[in-house]
Amino acid sequence: MRRIKARVKTTADPLAFSRRVLSVVRRIPPGRVASYGEVATLAGKPRAARAVGNIMRGCGRPDVPCHRVIAAGGRLGGYGGSELLKRSLLVAEGIVVSGSRVRDLDRVRWRPNRRKT
């Protein structure tokens, strides 16, 4: 039996993914956080947490609350090189941060409403 190789479309639009990520992050309400992996999943690429981090690092838009995106397990992760600024913004929204972790993660984790289809 002869195997047929499937061709995978590799010309995905990286800007489309970036737009979806920014759209997801804009929906995170004050006082809530989501992990890079959760944002990646909601943007349609569950294995792209690192890409989300890169998008957040390069995003300087005031309409995108990048500080609400954290690393797995509640770690703050980066924020354009200023973890102190990220911590301050989260605390100002009522999120308890101890050391470099968000406390009560289950309470402050953003869980968007799933649409029923």
C-alpha atoms as a PDB file:
ATOM      1  CA  MET A   1       0.000   0.000   0.000  1.00  0.00           C
ATOM      2  CA  ARG A   2       1.334   3.390  -0.955  1.00  0.00           C
ATOM      3  CA  ARG A   3       1.172   6.213   1.592  1.00  0.00           C
ATOM      4  CA  ILE A   4      -0.070   9.585   0.545  1.00  0.00           C
ATOM      5  CA  LYS A   5       1.388  12.572   2.346  1.00  0.00           C
ATOM      6  CA  ALA A   6      -1.151  15.149   3.349  1.00  0.00           C
ATOM      7  CA  ARG A   7      -0.213  18.716   2.637  1.00  0.00           C
ATOM      8  CA  VAL A   8      -0.636  21.015   5.557  1.00  0.00           C
ATOM      9  CA  LYS A   9      -1.323  24.632   4.871  1.00  0.00           C
ATOM     10  CA  THR A  10       1.575  26.488   6.507  1.00  0.00           C
ATOM     11  CA  THR A  11       0.776  29.989   5.352  1.00  0.00           C
ATOM     12  CA  ALA A  12      -1.358  30.868   8.361  1.00  0.00           C
ATOM     13  CA  ASP A  13      -1.786  34.581   8.889  1.00  0.00           C
ATOM     14  CA  PRO A  14       0.166  35.482  12.048  1.00  0.00           C
ATOM     15  CA  LEU A  15      -1.564  38.859  12.179  1.00  0.00           C
ATOM     16  CA  ALA A  16      -4.942  37.134  12.370  1.00  0.00           C
ATOM     17  CA  PHE A  17      -3.805  35.219  15.460  1.00  0.00           C
ATOM     18  CA  SER A  18      -2.444  38.426  17.001  1.00  0.00           C
ATOM     19  CA  ARG A  19      -5.763  40.162  16.398  1.00  0.00           C
ATOM     20  CA  ARG A  20      -7.634  37.269  18.030  1.00  0.00           C
ATOM     21  CA  VAL A  21      -5.272  37.352  21.040  1.00  0.00           C
ATOM     22  CA  LEU A  22      -5.739  41.100  21.495  1.00  0.00           C
ATOM     23  CA  SER A  23      -9.498  40.684  21.178  1.00  0.00           C
ATOM     24  CA  VAL A  24      -9.514  37.992  23.886  1.00  0.00           C
ATOM     25  CA  VAL A  25      -7.331  40.054  26.231  1.00  0.00           C
ATOM     26  CA  ARG A  26      -9.560  43.121  25.815  1.00  0.00           C
ATOM     27  CA  ARG A  27     -12.455  41.027  27.168  1.00  0.00           C
ATOM     28  CA  ILE A  28     -10.710  40.195  30.466  1.00  0.00           C
ATOM     29  CA  PRO A  29     -12.515  42.364  33.036  1.00  0.00           C
ATOM     30  CA  PRO A  30     -10.793  44.345  35.783  1.00  0.00           C
ATOM     31  CA  GLY A  31     -10.033  42.187  38.808  1.00  0.00           C
ATOM     32  CA  ARG A  32      -9.666  39.029  36.718  1.00  0.00           C
ATOM     33  CA  VAL A  33      -6.688  37.285  35.112  1.00  0.00           C
ATOM     34  CA  ALA A  34      -6.081  34.629  32.461  1.00  0.00           C
ATOM     35  CA  SER A  35      -2.950  32.626  31.718  1.00  0.00           C
ATOM     36  CA  TYR A  36      -1.009  32.830  28.477  1.00  0.00           C
ATOM     37  CA  GLY A  37      -2.186  29.293  27.705  1.00  0.00           C
ATOM     38  CA  GLU A  38      -5.830  30.113  28.392  1.00  0.00           C
ATOM     39  CA  VAL A  39      -5.630  33.138  26.090  1.00  0.00           C
ATOM     40  CA  ALA A  40      -3.987  30.992  23.401  1.00  0.00           C
ATOM     41  CA  THR A  41      -6.781  28.425  23.661  1.00  0.00           C
ATOM     42  CA  LEU A  42      -9.487  31.084  23.461  1.00  0.00           C
ATOM     43  CA  ALA A  43      -7.721  32.586  20.429  1.00  0.00           C
ATOM     44  CA  GLY A  44      -7.828  29.218  18.666  1.00  0.00           C
ATOM     45  CA  LYS A  45      -4.292  27.884  19.178  1.00  0.00           C
ATOM     46  CA  PRO A  46      -4.083  25.949  22.446  1.00  0.00           C
ATOM     47  CA  ARG A  47      -0.356  25.235  22.097  1.00  0.00           C
ATOM     48  CA  ALA A  48       0.669  28.840  21.456  1.00  0.00           C
ATOM     49  CA  ALA A  49       1.143  30.182  24.997  1.00  0.00           C
ATOM     50  CA  ARG A  50       4.648  31.391  24.191  1.00  0.00           C
ATOM     51  CA  ALA A  51       3.362  33.236  21.128  1.00  0.00           C
ATOM     52  CA  VAL A  52       0.788  34.968  23.344  1.00  0.00           C
ATOM     53  CA  GLY A  53       3.627  36.036  25.641  1.00  0.00           C
ATOM     54  CA  ASN A  54       5.496  37.500  22.696  1.00  0.00           C
ATOM     55  CA  ILE A  55       2.403  39.354  21.525  1.00  0.00           C
ATOM     56  CA  MET A  56       1.855  40.741  25.026  1.00  0.00           C
ATOM     57  CA  ARG A  57       5.502  41.805  25.290  1.00  0.00           C
ATOM     58  CA  GLY A  58       5.297  43.772  22.049  1.00  0.00           C
ATOM     59  CA  CYS A  59       1.897  45.288  22.705  1.00  0.00           C
ATOM     60  CA  GLY A  60       2.014  48.852  23.912  1.00  0.00           C
ATOM     61  CA  ARG A  61      -1.619  49.605  23.247  1.00  0.00           C
ATOM     62  CA  PRO A  62      -3.475  51.325  26.085  1.00  0.00           C
ATOM     63  CA  ASP A  63      -6.748  49.594  25.145  1.00  0.00           C
ATOM     64  CA  VAL A  64      -5.287  46.123  25.801  1.00  0.00           C
ATOM     65  CA  PRO A  65      -4.919  45.176  29.504  1.00  0.00           C
ATOM     66  CA  CYS A  66      -1.822  43.013  29.042  1.00  0.00           C
ATOM     67  CA  HIS A  67      -1.157  43.060  32.790  1.00  0.00           C
ATOM     68  CA  ARG A  68      -4.150  40.729  33.259  1.00  0.00           C
ATOM     69  CA  VAL A  69      -2.377  37.913  31.407  1.00  0.00           C
ATOM     70  CA  ILE A  70      -0.219  35.822  33.725  1.00  0.00           C
ATOM     71  CA  ALA A  71       1.893  32.688  33.562  1.00  0.00           C
ATOM     72  CA  ALA A  72       0.690  29.227  34.529  1.00  0.00           C
ATOM     73  CA  GLY A  73       0.008  28.521  38.183  1.00  0.00           C
ATOM     74  CA  GLY A  74      -0.515  32.164  39.044  1.00  0.00           C
ATOM     75  CA  ARG A  75       3.025  33.400  38.419  1.00  0.00           C
ATOM     76  CA  LEU A  76       3.122  36.982  37.223  1.00  0.00           C
ATOM     77  CA  GLY A  77       5.334  36.374  34.218  1.00  0.00           C
ATOM     78  CA  GLY A  78       6.809  39.361  32.458  1.00  0.00           C
ATOM     79  CA  TYR A  79       5.381  42.737  31.665  1.00  0.00           C
ATOM     80  CA  GLY A  80       7.704  44.470  29.276  1.00  0.00           C
ATOM     81  CA  GLY A  81      10.472  43.994  31.804  1.00  0.00           C
ATOM     82  CA  SER A  82       8.657  45.528  34.781  1.00  0.00           C
ATOM     83  CA  GLU A  83       7.152  42.930  37.082  1.00  0.00           C
ATOM     84  CA  LEU A  84       6.728  45.665  39.694  1.00  0.00           C
ATOM     85  CA  LEU A  85       4.452  47.644  37.357  1.00  0.00           C
ATOM     86  CA  LYS A  86       2.415  44.539  36.533  1.00  0.00           C
ATOM     87  CA  ARG A  87       2.059  43.757  40.241  1.00  0.00           C
ATOM     88  CA  SER A  88       0.981  47.347  40.981  1.00  0.00           C
ATOM     89  CA  LEU A  89      -1.672  47.329  38.245  1.00  0.00           C
ATOM     90  CA  LEU A  90      -3.109  44.017  39.441  1.00  0.00           C
ATOM     91  CA  VAL A  91      -3.154  45.131  43.086  1.00  0.00           C
ATOM     92  CA  ALA A  92      -4.916  48.353  42.053  1.00  0.00           C
ATOM     93  CA  GLU A  93      -7.661  46.141  40.574  1.00  0.00           C
ATOM     94  CA  GLY A  94      -8.061  44.272  43.865  1.00  0.00           C
ATOM     95  CA  ILE A  95      -6.025  41.177  43.012  1.00  0.00           C
ATOM     96  CA  VAL A  96      -3.886  39.881  45.875  1.00  0.00           C
ATOM     97  CA  VAL A  97      -0.284  39.279  44.831  1.00  0.00           C
ATOM     98  CA  SER A  98       2.196  37.628  47.184  1.00  0.00           C
ATOM     99  CA  GLY A  99       5.788  37.379  46.052  1.00  0.00           C
ATOM    100  CA  SER A 100       5.514  36.842  42.328  1.00  0.00           C
ATOM    101  CA  ARG A 101       2.226  34.921  42.377  1.00  0.00           C
ATOM    102  CA  VAL A 102      -1.440  35.804  42.235  1.00  0.00           C
ATOM    103  CA  ARG A 103      -3.188  34.462  45.329  1.00  0.00           C
ATOM    104  CA  ASP A 104      -6.679  32.931  45.232  1.00  0.00           C
ATOM    105  CA  LEU A 105      -6.181  32.177  41.565  1.00  0.00           C
ATOM    106  CA  ASP A 106      -9.382  30.165  41.320  1.00  0.00           C
ATOM    107  CA  ARG A 107     -11.346  33.152  42.583  1.00  0.00           C
ATOM    108  CA  VAL A 108      -9.825  35.702  40.173  1.00  0.00           C
ATOM    109  CA  ARG A 109      -9.343  33.498  37.111  1.00  0.00           C
ATOM    110  CA  TRP A 110     -11.434  34.767  34.205  1.00  0.00           C
ATOM    111  CA  ARG A 111     -13.810  32.184  32.835  1.00  0.00           C
ATOM    112  CA  PRO A 112     -15.588  33.608  29.812  1.00  0.00           C
ATOM    113  CA  ASN A 113     -19.108  32.484  29.105  1.00  0.00           C
ATOM    114  CA  ARG A 114     -19.136  29.659  26.633  1.00  0.00           C
ATOM    115  CA  ARG A 115     -21.617  30.067  23.834  1.00  0.00           C
ATOM    116  CA  LYS A 116     -23.921  27.122  23.360  1.00  0.00           C
ATOM    117  CA  THR A 117     -24.209  25.928  19.803  1.00  0.00           C
END
